[in-house]
């Protein structure tokens, strides 16, 4: 990545979900300045700068190739294995390939739609807040699961999973919405995991340890 590209990424405008934190930091900094509390001013400025960085929301360009499934989040692939989708989605008991992406606090946390389709079900489930890099986080942690029916009738699922310090999952789509690959659909605060369950019979093209760019990296090809 060139310096200019890195600069555009770092200085990308913040996601709307970050505005309350940014405004709160600015207000705290002003209060510290007005009352001569230097420690409060600098602490608030550091917090505000961190929020600008954490909630950055850069533009992404999907590959535009028919049948491609793109990464639903930035981060590192923590596991690639067969698994049963969350039961609350009603996608059946058959295991299918699951790609899990771990997002550290340094990654862009805006989630992206993996493929064109229609949202058929959204199910939120309360749970624990264990380290999102652990495989058991998929089953134990608080999560928001979304099923998407593809134009050919097959279904995939994407699951937003809270992490060790995450306490808020934001989802901006609704059941019945038509969605498109690479489009924003939510965000998770602060450190998390995103799981993608591919349609039955579709194999992933990525491996553990690879770095993903949400909305751009191709995870799989749907084929015929």
C-alpha atoms as a PDB file:
ATOM      1  CA  UNK A   1       0.000   0.000   0.000  1.00  0.00           C
ATOM      2  CA  UNK A   2       1.400   3.405  -1.010  1.00  0.00           C
ATOM      3  CA  UNK A   3       1.764   6.327   1.399  1.00  0.00           C
ATOM      4  CA  UNK A   4      -1.132   8.151  -0.287  1.00  0.00           C
ATOM      5  CA  UNK A   5      -3.394   5.106   0.070  1.00  0.00           C
ATOM      6  CA  UNK A   6      -2.403   4.702   3.719  1.00  0.00           C
ATOM      7  CA  UNK A   7      -3.139   8.378   4.366  1.00  0.00           C
ATOM      8  CA  UNK A   8      -6.579   8.106   2.737  1.00  0.00           C
ATOM      9  CA  UNK A   9      -7.337   5.086   4.909  1.00  0.00           C
ATOM     10  CA  UNK A  10      -6.261   6.766   8.155  1.00  0.00           C
ATOM     11  CA  UNK A  11      -8.061  10.040   7.359  1.00  0.00           C
ATOM     12  CA  UNK A  12     -11.290   8.462   6.084  1.00  0.00           C
ATOM     13  CA  UNK A  13     -14.452  10.091   7.493  1.00  0.00           C
ATOM     14  CA  UNK A  14     -15.869   8.357  10.592  1.00  0.00           C
ATOM     15  CA  UNK A  15     -18.882   6.063  10.541  1.00  0.00           C
ATOM     16  CA  UNK A  16     -22.042   7.683  12.024  1.00  0.00           C
ATOM     17  CA  UNK A  17     -21.893   5.237  14.946  1.00  0.00           C
ATOM     18  CA  UNK A  18     -18.705   6.954  16.107  1.00  0.00           C
ATOM     19  CA  UNK A  19     -20.064  10.503  16.200  1.00  0.00           C
ATOM     20  CA  UNK A  20     -21.360  10.398  19.815  1.00  0.00           C
ATOM     21  CA  UNK A  21     -17.913   9.277  21.030  1.00  0.00           C
ATOM     22  CA  UNK A  22     -16.116  11.927  18.962  1.00  0.00           C
ATOM     23  CA  UNK A  23     -18.455  14.705  20.091  1.00  0.00           C
ATOM     24  CA  UNK A  24     -18.118  13.544  23.688  1.00  0.00           C
ATOM     25  CA  UNK A  25     -14.324  13.681  23.431  1.00  0.00           C
ATOM     26  CA  UNK A  26     -14.420  17.175  21.946  1.00  0.00           C
ATOM     27  CA  UNK A  27     -16.752  18.426  24.689  1.00  0.00           C
ATOM     28  CA  UNK A  28     -14.502  16.950  27.377  1.00  0.00           C
ATOM     29  CA  UNK A  29     -11.479  18.630  25.753  1.00  0.00           C
ATOM     30  CA  UNK A  30     -13.254  22.011  25.716  1.00  0.00           C
ATOM     31  CA  UNK A  31     -14.204  21.637  29.376  1.00  0.00           C
ATOM     32  CA  UNK A  32     -10.609  20.800  30.254  1.00  0.00           C
ATOM     33  CA  UNK A  33      -9.399  23.859  28.336  1.00  0.00           C
ATOM     34  CA  UNK A  34     -11.944  26.235  29.891  1.00  0.00           C
ATOM     35  CA  UNK A  35     -11.250  25.109  33.461  1.00  0.00           C
ATOM     36  CA  UNK A  36      -7.484  24.840  33.093  1.00  0.00           C
ATOM     37  CA  UNK A  37      -7.423  21.048  33.478  1.00  0.00           C
ATOM     38  CA  UNK A  38      -4.579  20.148  31.162  1.00  0.00           C
ATOM     39  CA  UNK A  39      -4.724  16.454  31.971  1.00  0.00           C
ATOM     40  CA  UNK A  40      -8.402  16.323  30.969  1.00  0.00           C
ATOM     41  CA  UNK A  41      -7.762  18.255  27.768  1.00  0.00           C
ATOM     42  CA  UNK A  42      -4.968  15.975  26.561  1.00  0.00           C
ATOM     43  CA  UNK A  43      -6.733  12.793  27.658  1.00  0.00           C
ATOM     44  CA  UNK A  44      -9.878  13.894  25.795  1.00  0.00           C
ATOM     45  CA  UNK A  45      -7.854  14.804  22.705  1.00  0.00           C
ATOM     46  CA  UNK A  46      -6.204  11.375  22.684  1.00  0.00           C
ATOM     47  CA  UNK A  47      -9.599   9.702  23.074  1.00  0.00           C
ATOM     48  CA  UNK A  48     -11.050  11.786  20.229  1.00  0.00           C
ATOM     49  CA  UNK A  49      -8.119  10.954  17.942  1.00  0.00           C
ATOM     50  CA  UNK A  50      -8.504   7.254  18.722  1.00  0.00           C
ATOM     51  CA  UNK A  51     -12.238   7.393  17.927  1.00  0.00           C
ATOM     52  CA  UNK A  52     -11.553   9.128  14.610  1.00  0.00           C
ATOM     53  CA  UNK A  53      -9.166   6.301  13.761  1.00  0.00           C
ATOM     54  CA  UNK A  54     -11.290   3.436  15.072  1.00  0.00           C
ATOM     55  CA  UNK A  55     -14.524   4.550  13.384  1.00  0.00           C
ATOM     56  CA  UNK A  56     -12.907   5.430  10.041  1.00  0.00           C
ATOM     57  CA  UNK A  57     -15.106   4.361   7.144  1.00  0.00           C
ATOM     58  CA  UNK A  58     -13.141   4.270   3.884  1.00  0.00           C
ATOM     59  CA  UNK A  59     -14.739   3.749   0.506  1.00  0.00           C
ATOM     60  CA  UNK A  60     -14.313   0.258  -0.911  1.00  0.00           C
ATOM     61  CA  UNK A  61     -14.600  -0.967  -4.505  1.00  0.00           C
ATOM     62  CA  UNK A  62     -16.016  -4.505  -4.901  1.00  0.00           C
ATOM     63  CA  UNK A  63     -14.502  -6.598  -7.719  1.00  0.00           C
ATOM     64  CA  UNK A  64     -17.764  -6.446  -9.701  1.00  0.00           C
ATOM     65  CA  UNK A  65     -17.261 -10.023 -10.878  1.00  0.00           C
ATOM     66  CA  UNK A  66     -20.466 -12.063 -11.064  1.00  0.00           C
ATOM     67  CA  UNK A  67     -20.558 -14.868  -8.521  1.00  0.00           C
ATOM     68  CA  UNK A  68     -17.855 -13.475  -6.227  1.00  0.00           C
ATOM     69  CA  UNK A  69     -18.249 -13.540  -2.445  1.00  0.00           C
ATOM     70  CA  UNK A  70     -16.287 -10.740  -0.788  1.00  0.00           C
ATOM     71  CA  UNK A  71     -14.967 -10.379   2.762  1.00  0.00           C
ATOM     72  CA  UNK A  72     -17.608  -9.004   5.162  1.00  0.00           C
ATOM     73  CA  UNK A  73     -14.935  -7.305   7.293  1.00  0.00           C
ATOM     74  CA  UNK A  74     -11.324  -6.191   7.527  1.00  0.00           C
ATOM     75  CA  UNK A  75      -9.006  -8.307   9.649  1.00  0.00           C
ATOM     76  CA  UNK A  76      -7.139 -11.587   9.816  1.00  0.00           C
ATOM     77  CA  UNK A  77      -8.695 -14.946   8.924  1.00  0.00           C
ATOM     78  CA  UNK A  78      -8.618 -16.813  12.244  1.00  0.00           C
ATOM     79  CA  UNK A  79     -10.195 -20.075  11.063  1.00  0.00           C
ATOM     80  CA  UNK A  80     -11.538 -21.821   7.957  1.00  0.00           C
ATOM     81  CA  UNK A  81     -13.538 -24.956   8.726  1.00  0.00           C
ATOM     82  CA  UNK A  82     -16.902 -26.683   8.242  1.00  0.00           C
ATOM     83  CA  UNK A  83     -19.504 -25.602  10.809  1.00  0.00           C
ATOM     84  CA  UNK A  84     -23.274 -25.527  11.292  1.00  0.00           C
ATOM     85  CA  UNK A  85     -24.770 -22.022  10.883  1.00  0.00           C
ATOM     86  CA  UNK A  86     -26.426 -20.443  13.945  1.00  0.00           C
ATOM     87  CA  UNK A  87     -29.614 -22.366  14.700  1.00  0.00           C
ATOM     88  CA  UNK A  88     -31.655 -19.159  14.971  1.00  0.00           C
ATOM     89  CA  UNK A  89     -31.294 -18.606  11.207  1.00  0.00           C
ATOM     90  CA  UNK A  90     -33.040 -21.862  10.333  1.00  0.00           C
ATOM     91  CA  UNK A  91     -30.510 -22.842   7.655  1.00  0.00           C
ATOM     92  CA  UNK A  92     -30.495 -26.496   8.663  1.00  0.00           C
ATOM     93  CA  UNK A  93     -28.088 -28.806  10.511  1.00  0.00           C
ATOM     94  CA  UNK A  94     -25.716 -29.537   7.646  1.00  0.00           C
ATOM     95  CA  UNK A  95     -22.168 -28.156   8.139  1.00  0.00           C
ATOM     96  CA  UNK A  96     -20.931 -25.711   5.528  1.00  0.00           C
ATOM     97  CA  UNK A  97     -17.667 -23.829   5.146  1.00  0.00           C
ATOM     98  CA  UNK A  98     -17.209 -21.026   7.653  1.00  0.00           C
ATOM     99  CA  UNK A  99     -14.603 -18.288   7.320  1.00  0.00           C
ATOM    100  CA  UNK A 100     -13.957 -16.399  10.572  1.00  0.00           C
ATOM    101  CA  UNK A 101     -12.313 -12.963  10.501  1.00  0.00           C
ATOM    102  CA  UNK A 102     -10.844 -11.448  13.663  1.00  0.00           C
ATOM    103  CA  UNK A 103     -10.893  -7.657  13.908  1.00  0.00           C
ATOM    104  CA  UNK A 104      -8.416  -6.010  16.279  1.00  0.00           C
ATOM    105  CA  UNK A 105      -8.987  -2.477  17.561  1.00  0.00           C
ATOM    106  CA  UNK A 106      -6.674  -1.280  14.769  1.00  0.00           C
ATOM    107  CA  UNK A 107      -8.840  -2.638  11.941  1.00  0.00           C
ATOM    108  CA  UNK A 108     -11.695  -0.897  10.143  1.00  0.00           C
ATOM    109  CA  UNK A 109     -14.817  -2.179  11.912  1.00  0.00           C
ATOM    110  CA  UNK A 110     -17.454  -1.402   9.276  1.00  0.00           C
ATOM    111  CA  UNK A 111     -19.127  -4.613   8.072  1.00  0.00           C
ATOM    112  CA  UNK A 112     -19.849  -5.245   4.379  1.00  0.00           C
ATOM    113  CA  UNK A 113     -22.396  -7.364   2.511  1.00  0.00           C
ATOM    114  CA  UNK A 114     -20.604 -10.418   1.037  1.00  0.00           C
ATOM    115  CA  UNK A 115     -22.811 -10.961  -2.041  1.00  0.00           C
ATOM    116  CA  UNK A 116     -25.881  -9.649  -3.856  1.00  0.00           C
ATOM    117  CA  UNK A 117     -29.155 -10.983  -2.508  1.00  0.00           C
ATOM    118  CA  UNK A 118     -32.105 -10.450  -0.179  1.00  0.00           C
ATOM    119  CA  UNK A 119     -32.011 -10.464   3.621  1.00  0.00           C
ATOM    120  CA  UNK A 120     -34.351 -13.266   4.728  1.00  0.00           C
ATOM    121  CA  UNK A 121     -33.726 -13.358   8.472  1.00  0.00           C
ATOM    122  CA  UNK A 122     -31.945 -11.372  11.193  1.00  0.00           C
ATOM    123  CA  UNK A 123     -31.545 -12.885  14.654  1.00  0.00           C
ATOM    124  CA  UNK A 124     -29.837 -11.263  17.636  1.00  0.00           C
ATOM    125  CA  UNK A 125     -28.659 -13.465  20.501  1.00  0.00           C
ATOM    126  CA  UNK A 126     -27.260 -12.398  23.855  1.00  0.00           C
ATOM    127  CA  UNK A 127     -24.123 -14.151  25.021  1.00  0.00           C
ATOM    128  CA  UNK A 128     -20.685 -13.827  26.548  1.00  0.00           C
ATOM    129  CA  UNK A 129     -17.805 -11.485  25.680  1.00  0.00           C
ATOM    130  CA  UNK A 130     -14.797 -13.810  25.472  1.00  0.00           C
ATOM    131  CA  UNK A 131     -11.800 -13.058  23.272  1.00  0.00           C
ATOM    132  CA  UNK A 132     -13.100 -12.931  19.684  1.00  0.00           C
ATOM    133  CA  UNK A 133      -9.946 -14.592  18.360  1.00  0.00           C
ATOM    134  CA  UNK A 134     -10.947 -17.856  20.086  1.00  0.00           C
ATOM    135  CA  UNK A 135     -12.959 -20.327  18.039  1.00  0.00           C
ATOM    136  CA  UNK A 136     -15.559 -20.740  20.813  1.00  0.00           C
ATOM    137  CA  UNK A 137     -16.518 -17.079  20.333  1.00  0.00           C
ATOM    138  CA  UNK A 138     -18.655 -18.134  17.341  1.00  0.00           C
ATOM    139  CA  UNK A 139     -20.902 -20.194  19.636  1.00  0.00           C
ATOM    140  CA  UNK A 140     -20.638 -18.423  23.004  1.00  0.00           C
ATOM    141  CA  UNK A 141     -20.417 -14.685  22.324  1.00  0.00           C
ATOM    142  CA  UNK A 142     -23.166 -12.145  21.813  1.00  0.00           C
ATOM    143  CA  UNK A 143     -23.975 -12.070  18.113  1.00  0.00           C
ATOM    144  CA  UNK A 144     -26.189 -10.789  15.326  1.00  0.00           C
ATOM    145  CA  UNK A 145     -26.786 -13.328  12.555  1.00  0.00           C
ATOM    146  CA  UNK A 146     -28.036 -12.444   9.065  1.00  0.00           C
ATOM    147  CA  UNK A 147     -29.227 -14.861   6.377  1.00  0.00           C
ATOM    148  CA  UNK A 148     -29.047 -13.704   2.743  1.00  0.00           C
ATOM    149  CA  UNK A 149     -30.779 -15.480  -0.149  1.00  0.00           C
ATOM    150  CA  UNK A 150     -28.772 -15.231  -3.354  1.00  0.00           C
ATOM    151  CA  UNK A 151     -30.395 -14.664  -6.772  1.00  0.00           C
ATOM    152  CA  UNK A 152     -30.079 -18.396  -7.549  1.00  0.00           C
ATOM    153  CA  UNK A 153     -31.965 -19.374  -4.373  1.00  0.00           C
ATOM    154  CA  UNK A 154     -28.983 -20.522  -2.327  1.00  0.00           C
ATOM    155  CA  UNK A 155     -28.359 -18.926   1.059  1.00  0.00           C
ATOM    156  CA  UNK A 156     -25.324 -17.718   2.964  1.00  0.00           C
ATOM    157  CA  UNK A 157     -25.016 -16.197   6.405  1.00  0.00           C
ATOM    158  CA  UNK A 158     -22.880 -13.483   7.956  1.00  0.00           C
ATOM    159  CA  UNK A 159     -22.604 -13.140  11.731  1.00  0.00           C
ATOM    160  CA  UNK A 160     -21.445 -10.092  13.682  1.00  0.00           C
ATOM    161  CA  UNK A 161     -19.851 -11.285  16.924  1.00  0.00           C
ATOM    162  CA  UNK A 162     -18.966  -9.137  19.932  1.00  0.00           C
ATOM    163  CA  UNK A 163     -15.427  -9.423  21.294  1.00  0.00           C
ATOM    164  CA  UNK A 164     -13.708  -9.138  24.642  1.00  0.00           C
ATOM    165  CA  UNK A 165     -14.304  -5.391  24.985  1.00  0.00           C
ATOM    166  CA  UNK A 166     -17.077  -4.968  22.414  1.00  0.00           C
ATOM    167  CA  UNK A 167     -20.447  -4.081  23.870  1.00  0.00           C
ATOM    168  CA  UNK A 168     -22.406  -2.838  20.887  1.00  0.00           C
ATOM    169  CA  UNK A 169     -23.349  -4.450  17.574  1.00  0.00           C
ATOM    170  CA  UNK A 170     -24.945  -2.115  15.032  1.00  0.00           C
ATOM    171  CA  UNK A 171     -26.921  -3.559  12.096  1.00  0.00           C
ATOM    172  CA  UNK A 172     -28.448  -1.223   9.504  1.00  0.00           C
ATOM    173  CA  UNK A 173     -30.320  -3.736   7.309  1.00  0.00           C
ATOM    174  CA  UNK A 174     -33.781  -5.249   7.798  1.00  0.00           C
ATOM    175  CA  UNK A 175     -35.467  -8.449   6.735  1.00  0.00           C
ATOM    176  CA  UNK A 176     -36.653  -8.129   3.140  1.00  0.00           C
ATOM    177  CA  UNK A 177     -33.961  -5.624   2.126  1.00  0.00           C
ATOM    178  CA  UNK A 178     -32.228  -6.096  -1.212  1.00  0.00           C
ATOM    179  CA  UNK A 179     -28.481  -5.901  -0.566  1.00  0.00           C
ATOM    180  CA  UNK A 180     -25.413  -5.679  -2.758  1.00  0.00           C
ATOM    181  CA  UNK A 181     -21.854  -6.981  -2.455  1.00  0.00           C
ATOM    182  CA  UNK A 182     -19.546  -4.525  -0.722  1.00  0.00           C
ATOM    183  CA  UNK A 183     -22.321  -2.332   0.690  1.00  0.00           C
ATOM    184  CA  UNK A 184     -22.086  -1.288   4.337  1.00  0.00           C
ATOM    185  CA  UNK A 185     -24.512  -3.003   6.687  1.00  0.00           C
ATOM    186  CA  UNK A 186     -23.217  -2.367  10.206  1.00  0.00           C
ATOM    187  CA  UNK A 187     -20.347  -1.954  12.634  1.00  0.00           C
ATOM    188  CA  UNK A 188     -19.101  -3.553  15.860  1.00  0.00           C
ATOM    189  CA  UNK A 189     -17.479  -1.626  18.724  1.00  0.00           C
ATOM    190  CA  UNK A 190     -14.517  -2.183  19.834  1.00  0.00           C
ATOM    191  CA  UNK A 191     -12.705  -5.349  18.700  1.00  0.00           C
ATOM    192  CA  UNK A 192     -14.734  -8.233  17.350  1.00  0.00           C
ATOM    193  CA  UNK A 193     -15.193 -11.103  14.917  1.00  0.00           C
ATOM    194  CA  UNK A 194     -17.230 -11.659  11.750  1.00  0.00           C
ATOM    195  CA  UNK A 195     -18.154 -15.144  10.518  1.00  0.00           C
ATOM    196  CA  UNK A 196     -19.219 -15.951   6.970  1.00  0.00           C
ATOM    197  CA  UNK A 197     -21.074 -19.217   6.267  1.00  0.00           C
ATOM    198  CA  UNK A 198     -20.866 -20.022   2.560  1.00  0.00           C
ATOM    199  CA  UNK A 199     -23.670 -21.749   0.626  1.00  0.00           C
ATOM    200  CA  UNK A 200     -23.555 -25.529   0.751  1.00  0.00           C
ATOM    201  CA  UNK A 201     -21.067 -26.927  -1.765  1.00  0.00           C
ATOM    202  CA  UNK A 202     -19.068 -23.688  -2.076  1.00  0.00           C
ATOM    203  CA  UNK A 203     -15.455 -23.843  -0.890  1.00  0.00           C
ATOM    204  CA  UNK A 204     -13.442 -20.868   0.391  1.00  0.00           C
ATOM    205  CA  UNK A 205     -10.449 -19.526  -1.532  1.00  0.00           C
ATOM    206  CA  UNK A 206      -8.659 -18.149   1.549  1.00  0.00           C
ATOM    207  CA  UNK A 207      -6.629 -19.660   4.381  1.00  0.00           C
ATOM    208  CA  UNK A 208      -5.905 -18.925   8.026  1.00  0.00           C
ATOM    209  CA  UNK A 209      -3.597 -15.974   8.570  1.00  0.00           C
ATOM    210  CA  UNK A 210      -4.557 -14.064   5.431  1.00  0.00           C
ATOM    211  CA  UNK A 211      -5.421 -10.370   5.699  1.00  0.00           C
ATOM    212  CA  UNK A 212      -8.884  -9.375   4.491  1.00  0.00           C
ATOM    213  CA  UNK A 213     -10.103  -6.063   3.104  1.00  0.00           C
ATOM    214  CA  UNK A 214     -13.842  -5.792   3.694  1.00  0.00           C
ATOM    215  CA  UNK A 215     -15.880  -5.415   0.539  1.00  0.00           C
ATOM    216  CA  UNK A 216     -12.903  -6.101  -1.747  1.00  0.00           C
ATOM    217  CA  UNK A 217     -11.100  -9.374  -0.957  1.00  0.00           C
ATOM    218  CA  UNK A 218     -12.732 -12.320  -2.760  1.00  0.00           C
ATOM    219  CA  UNK A 219     -13.377 -15.186  -0.321  1.00  0.00           C
ATOM    220  CA  UNK A 220     -15.115 -17.595  -2.665  1.00  0.00           C
ATOM    221  CA  UNK A 221     -16.672 -18.068  -6.097  1.00  0.00           C
ATOM    222  CA  UNK A 222     -20.274 -19.258  -6.243  1.00  0.00           C
ATOM    223  CA  UNK A 223     -19.878 -20.998  -9.583  1.00  0.00           C
ATOM    224  CA  UNK A 224     -22.896 -22.274 -11.493  1.00  0.00           C
END
